[in-house]
């Protein structure tokens, strides 16, 4: 969820929302000018790994994950038969995300 210069992570399952990215000097991890709440990502990855229902929706997957951060631990842990996964990915990263996390899995790309 984007509000001004901040992004929040909301679990659709629990409704919990917490600050994820900010331009303010709040968290010790910095990435491309953003202060990132790594603990929020850690909690989200644990919650995602424990989910047994489908679909799972992630908005958005991109450079952070391609560099081994963000939702990377969850994406790395996926098995091809784990159900439906819906990702939003910027057009310029679609092929890189597919090749990195889903090289042999069939999936559909919907361009919006």
C-alpha atoms as a PDB file:
ATOM      1  CA  UNK A   1       0.000   0.000   0.000  1.00  0.00           C
ATOM      2  CA  UNK A   2       1.517   3.313  -1.081  1.00  0.00           C
ATOM      3  CA  UNK A   3       0.946   6.409   1.026  1.00  0.00           C
ATOM      4  CA  UNK A   4       3.041   9.430   0.150  1.00  0.00           C
ATOM      5  CA  UNK A   5       6.716   8.534   0.567  1.00  0.00           C
ATOM      6  CA  UNK A   6       5.979   5.277   2.382  1.00  0.00           C
ATOM      7  CA  UNK A   7       4.927   1.761   1.455  1.00  0.00           C
ATOM      8  CA  UNK A   8       3.128  -0.574   3.805  1.00  0.00           C
ATOM      9  CA  UNK A   9       2.851  -4.334   3.748  1.00  0.00           C
ATOM     10  CA  UNK A  10      -0.627  -5.716   4.403  1.00  0.00           C
ATOM     11  CA  UNK A  11      -1.423  -9.350   4.948  1.00  0.00           C
ATOM     12  CA  UNK A  12      -4.725 -10.110   3.270  1.00  0.00           C
ATOM     13  CA  UNK A  13      -5.012 -13.139   5.543  1.00  0.00           C
ATOM     14  CA  UNK A  14      -4.582 -11.392   8.898  1.00  0.00           C
ATOM     15  CA  UNK A  15      -5.226  -7.770   7.911  1.00  0.00           C
ATOM     16  CA  UNK A  16      -2.011  -6.756   9.705  1.00  0.00           C
ATOM     17  CA  UNK A  17      -0.280  -3.776   8.152  1.00  0.00           C
ATOM     18  CA  UNK A  18       3.206  -2.466   8.843  1.00  0.00           C
ATOM     19  CA  UNK A  19       5.644   0.019   7.397  1.00  0.00           C
ATOM     20  CA  UNK A  20       7.849  -1.643   4.783  1.00  0.00           C
ATOM     21  CA  UNK A  21       9.713   1.090   2.837  1.00  0.00           C
ATOM     22  CA  UNK A  22      10.306   4.719   3.695  1.00  0.00           C
ATOM     23  CA  UNK A  23      12.615   7.527   2.575  1.00  0.00           C
ATOM     24  CA  UNK A  24      13.093   8.427   6.254  1.00  0.00           C
ATOM     25  CA  UNK A  25      16.038   7.088   8.237  1.00  0.00           C
ATOM     26  CA  UNK A  26      14.056   4.509  10.234  1.00  0.00           C
ATOM     27  CA  UNK A  27      15.499   1.043   9.522  1.00  0.00           C
ATOM     28  CA  UNK A  28      19.137  -0.108   9.347  1.00  0.00           C
ATOM     29  CA  UNK A  29      18.850  -1.675   5.879  1.00  0.00           C
ATOM     30  CA  UNK A  30      19.039   0.689   2.894  1.00  0.00           C
ATOM     31  CA  UNK A  31      18.355  -0.207  -0.714  1.00  0.00           C
ATOM     32  CA  UNK A  32      18.347   2.298  -3.571  1.00  0.00           C
ATOM     33  CA  UNK A  33      17.531   5.239  -1.310  1.00  0.00           C
ATOM     34  CA  UNK A  34      14.882   3.428   0.712  1.00  0.00           C
ATOM     35  CA  UNK A  35      15.010   2.432   4.361  1.00  0.00           C
ATOM     36  CA  UNK A  36      13.560  -1.101   4.454  1.00  0.00           C
ATOM     37  CA  UNK A  37      11.928  -2.914   7.353  1.00  0.00           C
ATOM     38  CA  UNK A  38      13.610  -6.320   7.012  1.00  0.00           C
ATOM     39  CA  UNK A  39      11.669  -7.670  10.018  1.00  0.00           C
ATOM     40  CA  UNK A  40       8.405  -7.051   8.130  1.00  0.00           C
ATOM     41  CA  UNK A  41       9.749  -9.041   5.178  1.00  0.00           C
ATOM     42  CA  UNK A  42      10.908 -11.806   7.540  1.00  0.00           C
ATOM     43  CA  UNK A  43       7.437 -12.057   9.077  1.00  0.00           C
ATOM     44  CA  UNK A  44       5.782 -11.995   5.657  1.00  0.00           C
ATOM     45  CA  UNK A  45       8.052 -14.734   4.318  1.00  0.00           C
ATOM     46  CA  UNK A  46       7.281 -16.942   7.324  1.00  0.00           C
ATOM     47  CA  UNK A  47       3.552 -16.354   6.940  1.00  0.00           C
ATOM     48  CA  UNK A  48       3.722 -17.076   3.204  1.00  0.00           C
ATOM     49  CA  UNK A  49       5.717 -20.280   3.717  1.00  0.00           C
ATOM     50  CA  UNK A  50       3.076 -21.492   6.172  1.00  0.00           C
ATOM     51  CA  UNK A  51       0.109 -20.802   3.884  1.00  0.00           C
ATOM     52  CA  UNK A  52      -1.748 -23.817   2.621  1.00  0.00           C
ATOM     53  CA  UNK A  53      -4.462 -21.960   0.729  1.00  0.00           C
ATOM     54  CA  UNK A  54      -4.409 -20.707  -2.817  1.00  0.00           C
ATOM     55  CA  UNK A  55      -4.062 -18.267  -4.461  1.00  0.00           C
ATOM     56  CA  UNK A  56      -1.133 -16.424  -2.945  1.00  0.00           C
ATOM     57  CA  UNK A  57      -0.820 -12.843  -4.206  1.00  0.00           C
ATOM     58  CA  UNK A  58       2.413 -10.810  -4.081  1.00  0.00           C
ATOM     59  CA  UNK A  59       2.535  -7.195  -5.182  1.00  0.00           C
ATOM     60  CA  UNK A  60       5.240  -6.609  -6.292  1.00  0.00           C
ATOM     61  CA  UNK A  61       8.212  -8.827  -7.138  1.00  0.00           C
ATOM     62  CA  UNK A  62      11.233  -7.237  -8.777  1.00  0.00           C
ATOM     63  CA  UNK A  63      14.821  -6.147  -8.299  1.00  0.00           C
ATOM     64  CA  UNK A  64      14.772  -6.554  -4.529  1.00  0.00           C
ATOM     65  CA  UNK A  65      13.935 -10.260  -4.933  1.00  0.00           C
ATOM     66  CA  UNK A  66      16.319 -10.696  -7.865  1.00  0.00           C
ATOM     67  CA  UNK A  67      19.070  -9.399  -5.564  1.00  0.00           C
ATOM     68  CA  UNK A  68      18.176 -11.942  -2.866  1.00  0.00           C
ATOM     69  CA  UNK A  69      16.056  -9.816  -0.546  1.00  0.00           C
ATOM     70  CA  UNK A  70      12.381  -9.041   0.042  1.00  0.00           C
ATOM     71  CA  UNK A  71      10.180 -12.026  -0.834  1.00  0.00           C
ATOM     72  CA  UNK A  72      13.218 -13.974  -2.093  1.00  0.00           C
ATOM     73  CA  UNK A  73      13.164 -16.627   0.708  1.00  0.00           C
ATOM     74  CA  UNK A  74       9.533 -17.465  -0.024  1.00  0.00           C
ATOM     75  CA  UNK A  75      10.020 -17.558  -3.792  1.00  0.00           C
ATOM     76  CA  UNK A  76      13.102 -19.764  -3.414  1.00  0.00           C
ATOM     77  CA  UNK A  77      11.166 -22.225  -1.260  1.00  0.00           C
ATOM     78  CA  UNK A  78       8.348 -22.797  -3.769  1.00  0.00           C
ATOM     79  CA  UNK A  79       7.669 -26.168  -5.295  1.00  0.00           C
ATOM     80  CA  UNK A  80       6.012 -26.338  -8.696  1.00  0.00           C
ATOM     81  CA  UNK A  81       2.852 -27.989  -7.376  1.00  0.00           C
ATOM     82  CA  UNK A  82       2.100 -25.647  -4.475  1.00  0.00           C
ATOM     83  CA  UNK A  83      -1.011 -24.037  -5.922  1.00  0.00           C
ATOM     84  CA  UNK A  84      -1.807 -20.785  -7.588  1.00  0.00           C
ATOM     85  CA  UNK A  85       0.583 -17.859  -7.242  1.00  0.00           C
ATOM     86  CA  UNK A  86      -0.240 -14.405  -8.569  1.00  0.00           C
ATOM     87  CA  UNK A  87       2.634 -11.929  -8.827  1.00  0.00           C
ATOM     88  CA  UNK A  88       2.737  -8.380 -10.031  1.00  0.00           C
ATOM     89  CA  UNK A  89       6.018  -7.776 -11.837  1.00  0.00           C
ATOM     90  CA  UNK A  90       7.081  -4.731 -13.783  1.00  0.00           C
ATOM     91  CA  UNK A  91       7.316  -5.485 -17.475  1.00  0.00           C
ATOM     92  CA  UNK A  92      11.089  -4.987 -17.562  1.00  0.00           C
ATOM     93  CA  UNK A  93      11.625  -7.683 -14.904  1.00  0.00           C
ATOM     94  CA  UNK A  94       9.180 -10.382 -16.065  1.00  0.00           C
ATOM     95  CA  UNK A  95      11.713 -12.539 -17.906  1.00  0.00           C
ATOM     96  CA  UNK A  96      14.333 -12.218 -15.175  1.00  0.00           C
ATOM     97  CA  UNK A  97      11.823 -13.176 -12.461  1.00  0.00           C
ATOM     98  CA  UNK A  98      10.564 -16.099 -14.525  1.00  0.00           C
ATOM     99  CA  UNK A  99      14.075 -17.367 -15.288  1.00  0.00           C
ATOM    100  CA  UNK A 100      15.227 -16.979 -11.679  1.00  0.00           C
ATOM    101  CA  UNK A 101      12.286 -18.456  -9.788  1.00  0.00           C
ATOM    102  CA  UNK A 102      10.203 -20.453 -12.316  1.00  0.00           C
ATOM    103  CA  UNK A 103      12.530 -21.698 -15.075  1.00  0.00           C
ATOM    104  CA  UNK A 104      10.578 -24.876 -15.807  1.00  0.00           C
ATOM    105  CA  UNK A 105       7.127 -24.076 -14.419  1.00  0.00           C
ATOM    106  CA  UNK A 106       4.252 -23.323 -16.756  1.00  0.00           C
ATOM    107  CA  UNK A 107       2.586 -20.006 -16.074  1.00  0.00           C
ATOM    108  CA  UNK A 108       0.612 -17.273 -17.724  1.00  0.00           C
ATOM    109  CA  UNK A 109       1.580 -13.649 -18.194  1.00  0.00           C
ATOM    110  CA  UNK A 110      -1.208 -11.088 -18.175  1.00  0.00           C
ATOM    111  CA  UNK A 111      -0.115  -7.654 -19.326  1.00  0.00           C
ATOM    112  CA  UNK A 112      -2.002  -4.691 -17.900  1.00  0.00           C
END
